[in-house]
Each structure stands twice: as C-alpha cells, then as structure tokens.
PDB file of N, CA and C in Angstrom:
ATOM      1  N   MET A   1      -5.670 -10.193 -30.896  1.00  0.00           N
ATOM      2  CA  MET A   1      -5.007 -10.891 -29.800  1.00  0.00           C
ATOM      3  C   MET A   1      -4.046  -9.972 -29.058  1.00  0.00           C
ATOM      4  N   ASP A   2      -3.440  -9.068 -29.802  1.00  0.00           N
ATOM      5  CA  ASP A   2      -2.492  -8.148 -29.177  1.00  0.00           C
ATOM      6  C   ASP A   2      -3.205  -7.188 -28.228  1.00  0.00           C
ATOM      7  N   SER A   3      -4.421  -6.774 -28.556  1.00  0.00           N
ATOM      8  CA  SER A   3      -5.149  -5.846 -27.690  1.00  0.00           C
ATOM      9  C   SER A   3      -5.563  -6.515 -26.380  1.00  0.00           C
ATOM     10  N   VAL A   4      -5.846  -7.811 -26.418  1.00  0.00           N
ATOM     11  CA  VAL A   4      -6.197  -8.539 -25.196  1.00  0.00           C
ATOM     12  C   VAL A   4      -5.000  -8.576 -24.252  1.00  0.00           C
ATOM     13  N   ALA A   5      -3.821  -8.785 -24.800  1.00  0.00           N
ATOM     14  CA  ALA A   5      -2.612  -8.807 -23.974  1.00  0.00           C
ATOM     15  C   ALA A   5      -2.350  -7.442 -23.356  1.00  0.00           C
ATOM     16  N   LYS A   6      -2.579  -6.386 -24.109  1.00  0.00           N
ATOM     17  CA  LYS A   6      -2.378  -5.036 -23.572  1.00  0.00           C
ATOM     18  C   LYS A   6      -3.361  -4.741 -22.444  1.00  0.00           C
ATOM     19  N   VAL A   7      -4.599  -5.186 -22.582  1.00  0.00           N
ATOM     20  CA  VAL A   7      -5.603  -4.966 -21.534  1.00  0.00           C
ATOM     21  C   VAL A   7      -5.213  -5.728 -20.274  1.00  0.00           C
ATOM     22  N   ILE A   8      -4.795  -6.974 -20.429  1.00  0.00           N
ATOM     23  CA  ILE A   8      -4.406  -7.782 -19.270  1.00  0.00           C
ATOM     24  C   ILE A   8      -3.190  -7.185 -18.583  1.00  0.00           C
ATOM     25  N   LEU A   9      -2.201  -6.734 -19.350  1.00  0.00           N
ATOM     26  CA  LEU A   9      -1.005  -6.136 -18.752  1.00  0.00           C
ATOM     27  C   LEU A   9      -1.325  -4.797 -18.088  1.00  0.00           C
ATOM     28  N   SER A  10      -2.248  -4.029 -18.648  1.00  0.00           N
ATOM     29  CA  SER A  10      -2.592  -2.764 -18.018  1.00  0.00           C
ATOM     30  C   SER A  10      -3.351  -2.985 -16.713  1.00  0.00           C
ATOM     31  N   ILE A  11      -4.214  -3.988 -16.671  1.00  0.00           N
ATOM     32  CA  ILE A  11      -4.906  -4.313 -15.419  1.00  0.00           C
ATOM     33  C   ILE A  11      -3.909  -4.797 -14.372  1.00  0.00           C
ATOM     34  N   ASP A  12      -2.961  -5.618 -14.798  1.00  0.00           N
ATOM     35  CA  ASP A  12      -1.930  -6.111 -13.889  1.00  0.00           C
ATOM     36  C   ASP A  12      -1.068  -4.959 -13.365  1.00  0.00           C
ATOM     37  N   GLY A  13      -0.690  -4.059 -14.244  1.00  0.00           N
ATOM     38  CA  GLY A  13       0.101  -2.897 -13.832  1.00  0.00           C
ATOM     39  C   GLY A  13      -0.665  -2.005 -12.885  1.00  0.00           C
ATOM     40  N   LEU A  14      -1.943  -1.809 -13.146  1.00  0.00           N
ATOM     41  CA  LEU A  14      -2.781  -0.993 -12.270  1.00  0.00           C
ATOM     42  C   LEU A  14      -2.909  -1.637 -10.888  1.00  0.00           C
ATOM     43  N   PHE A  15      -3.050  -2.938 -10.845  1.00  0.00           N
ATOM     44  CA  PHE A  15      -3.137  -3.661  -9.572  1.00  0.00           C
ATOM     45  C   PHE A  15      -1.868  -3.461  -8.748  1.00  0.00           C
ATOM     46  N   PHE A  16      -0.691  -3.631  -9.383  1.00  0.00           N
ATOM     47  CA  PHE A  16       0.559  -3.477  -8.642  1.00  0.00           C
ATOM     48  C   PHE A  16       0.798  -2.031  -8.232  1.00  0.00           C
ATOM     49  N   LEU A  17       0.335  -1.080  -9.026  1.00  0.00           N
ATOM     50  CA  LEU A  17       0.466   0.322  -8.648  1.00  0.00           C
ATOM     51  C   LEU A  17      -0.395   0.631  -7.427  1.00  0.00           C
ATOM     52  N   ILE A  18      -1.609   0.111  -7.397  1.00  0.00           N
ATOM     53  CA  ILE A  18      -2.485   0.316  -6.241  1.00  0.00           C
ATOM     54  C   ILE A  18      -1.896  -0.341  -4.996  1.00  0.00           C
ATOM     55  N   MET A  19      -1.341  -1.531  -5.143  1.00  0.00           N
ATOM     56  CA  MET A  19      -0.732  -2.213  -4.001  1.00  0.00           C
ATOM     57  C   MET A  19       0.485  -1.447  -3.483  1.00  0.00           C
ATOM     58  N   LEU A  20       1.267  -0.865  -4.380  1.00  0.00           N
ATOM     59  CA  LEU A  20       2.428  -0.080  -3.963  1.00  0.00           C
ATOM     60  C   LEU A  20       2.009   1.171  -3.205  1.00  0.00           C
ATOM     61  N   VAL A  21       0.989   1.867  -3.694  1.00  0.00           N
ATOM     62  CA  VAL A  21       0.496   3.063  -3.015  1.00  0.00           C
ATOM     63  C   VAL A  21      -0.073   2.697  -1.645  1.00  0.00           C
ATOM     64  N   LEU A  22      -0.800   1.591  -1.569  1.00  0.00           N
ATOM     65  CA  LEU A  22      -1.358   1.144  -0.297  1.00  0.00           C
ATOM     66  C   LEU A  22      -0.248   0.786   0.697  1.00  0.00           C
ATOM     67  N   LEU A  23       0.793   0.142   0.238  1.00  0.00           N
ATOM     68  CA  LEU A  23       1.911  -0.218   1.104  1.00  0.00           C
ATOM     69  C   LEU A  23       2.599   1.025   1.656  1.00  0.00           C
ATOM     70  N   VAL A  24       2.847   2.009   0.809  1.00  0.00           N
ATOM     71  CA  VAL A  24       3.480   3.251   1.259  1.00  0.00           C
ATOM     72  C   VAL A  24       2.583   3.967   2.258  1.00  0.00           C
ATOM     73  N   PHE A  25       1.278   3.999   1.988  1.00  0.00           N
ATOM     74  CA  PHE A  25       0.335   4.638   2.907  1.00  0.00           C
ATOM     75  C   PHE A  25       0.358   3.966   4.276  1.00  0.00           C
ATOM     76  N   LEU A  26       0.349   2.637   4.299  1.00  0.00           N
ATOM     77  CA  LEU A  26       0.347   1.925   5.577  1.00  0.00           C
ATOM     78  C   LEU A  26       1.660   2.107   6.327  1.00  0.00           C
ATOM     79  N   ILE A  27       2.772   2.184   5.619  1.00  0.00           N
ATOM     80  CA  ILE A  27       4.060   2.419   6.274  1.00  0.00           C
ATOM     81  C   ILE A  27       4.065   3.791   6.941  1.00  0.00           C
ATOM     82  N   PHE A  28       3.613   4.824   6.217  1.00  0.00           N
ATOM     83  CA  PHE A  28       3.596   6.161   6.809  1.00  0.00           C
ATOM     84  C   PHE A  28       2.596   6.260   7.954  1.00  0.00           C
ATOM     85  N   ARG A  29       1.473   5.545   7.865  1.00  0.00           N
ATOM     86  CA  ARG A  29       0.507   5.541   8.962  1.00  0.00           C
ATOM     87  C   ARG A  29       1.093   4.885  10.208  1.00  0.00           C
ATOM     88  N   ARG A  30       1.861   3.818  10.024  1.00  0.00           N
ATOM     89  CA  ARG A  30       2.497   3.141  11.158  1.00  0.00           C
ATOM     90  C   ARG A  30       3.566   4.019  11.796  1.00  0.00           C
ATOM     91  N   ILE A  31       4.337   4.729  10.981  1.00  0.00           N
ATOM     92  CA  ILE A  31       5.356   5.641  11.516  1.00  0.00           C
ATOM     93  C   ILE A  31       4.685   6.745  12.321  1.00  0.00           C
ATOM     94  N   ASP A  32       3.571   7.271  11.819  1.00  0.00           N
ATOM     95  CA  ASP A  32       2.854   8.316  12.532  1.00  0.00           C
ATOM     96  C   ASP A  32       2.283   7.796  13.851  1.00  0.00           C
ATOM     97  N   ALA A  33       1.754   6.595  13.851  1.00  0.00           N
ATOM     98  CA  ALA A  33       1.212   6.012  15.080  1.00  0.00           C
ATOM     99  C   ALA A  33       2.327   5.755  16.089  1.00  0.00           C
ATOM    100  N   LYS A  34       3.492   5.386  15.603  1.00  0.00           N
ATOM    101  CA  LYS A  34       4.630   5.126  16.490  1.00  0.00           C
ATOM    102  C   LYS A  34       5.085   6.422  17.164  1.00  0.00           C
ATOM    103  N   LYS A  35       5.029   7.537  16.446  1.00  0.00           N
ATOM    104  CA  LYS A  35       5.427   8.819  17.035  1.00  0.00           C
ATOM    105  C   LYS A  35       4.459   9.268  18.116  1.00  0.00           C
ATOM    106  N   LYS A  36       3.169   8.966  17.953  1.00  0.00           N
ATOM    107  CA  LYS A  36       2.157   9.405  18.910  1.00  0.00           C
ATOM    108  C   LYS A  36       2.035   8.472  20.100  1.00  0.00           C
ATOM    109  N   GLU A  37       2.671   7.318  20.052  1.00  0.00           N
ATOM    110  CA  GLU A  37       2.538   6.327  21.103  1.00  0.00           C
ATOM    111  C   GLU A  37       3.358   6.744  22.326  1.00  0.00           C
ATOM    112  N   ASP A  38       2.763   6.648  23.493  1.00  0.00           N
ATOM    113  CA  ASP A  38       3.514   6.847  24.714  1.00  0.00           C
ATOM    114  C   ASP A  38       3.412   5.574  25.570  1.00  0.00           C
ATOM    115  N   PHE A  39       3.943   5.629  26.742  1.00  0.00           N
ATOM    116  CA  PHE A  39       4.062   4.409  27.543  1.00  0.00           C
ATOM    117  C   PHE A  39       2.693   3.865  27.937  1.00  0.00           C
ATOM    118  N   GLU A  40       1.710   4.695  28.197  1.00  0.00           N
ATOM    119  CA  GLU A  40       0.397   4.247  28.637  1.00  0.00           C
ATOM    120  C   GLU A  40      -0.394   3.607  27.502  1.00  0.00           C
ATOM    121  N   ASN A  41      -0.112   3.945  26.257  1.00  0.00           N
ATOM    122  CA  ASN A  41      -0.880   3.452  25.125  1.00  0.00           C
ATOM    123  C   ASN A  41      -0.285   2.202  24.487  1.00  0.00           C
ATOM    124  N   ARG A  42       0.697   1.600  25.091  1.00  0.00           N
ATOM    125  CA  ARG A  42       1.328   0.423  24.496  1.00  0.00           C
ATOM    126  C   ARG A  42       0.427  -0.787  24.626  1.00  0.00           C
ATOM    127  N   ASP A  43       0.536  -1.707  23.678  1.00  0.00           N
ATOM    128  CA  ASP A  43      -0.318  -2.889  23.640  1.00  0.00           C
ATOM    129  C   ASP A  43       0.382  -4.121  24.192  1.00  0.00           C
ATOM    130  N   ASN A  44       1.013  -4.016  25.318  1.00  0.00           N
ATOM    131  CA  ASN A  44       1.710  -5.180  25.900  1.00  0.00           C
ATOM    132  C   ASN A  44       0.873  -5.806  26.973  1.00  0.00           C
TER     133      ASN A  44
END
C-alpha cells in the first residue's frame, strides 16, 4: 500500500513540475513578444 502512495505522489509531483515549467516558458515567451511588438503589430 505504501508503494501505491509513492507512485501517486510522484505522478502528482511530476504533473506540478511540468505545469510550473510550462508557466515559466509562457511568461518568458510573452515578455519576448512584448519586446518585439511595435505600434503597427498591436491587436487593437
């Protein structure tokens, strides 16, 4: 029973680690897009 709990917690930890890396990647991608944006490329 203890090994099942360890497997579930490791999968949960891996999921949150992937989500954290994805969030950081998207934040840096947005910052980069903001730097390259000029007045003609705005989405208004």
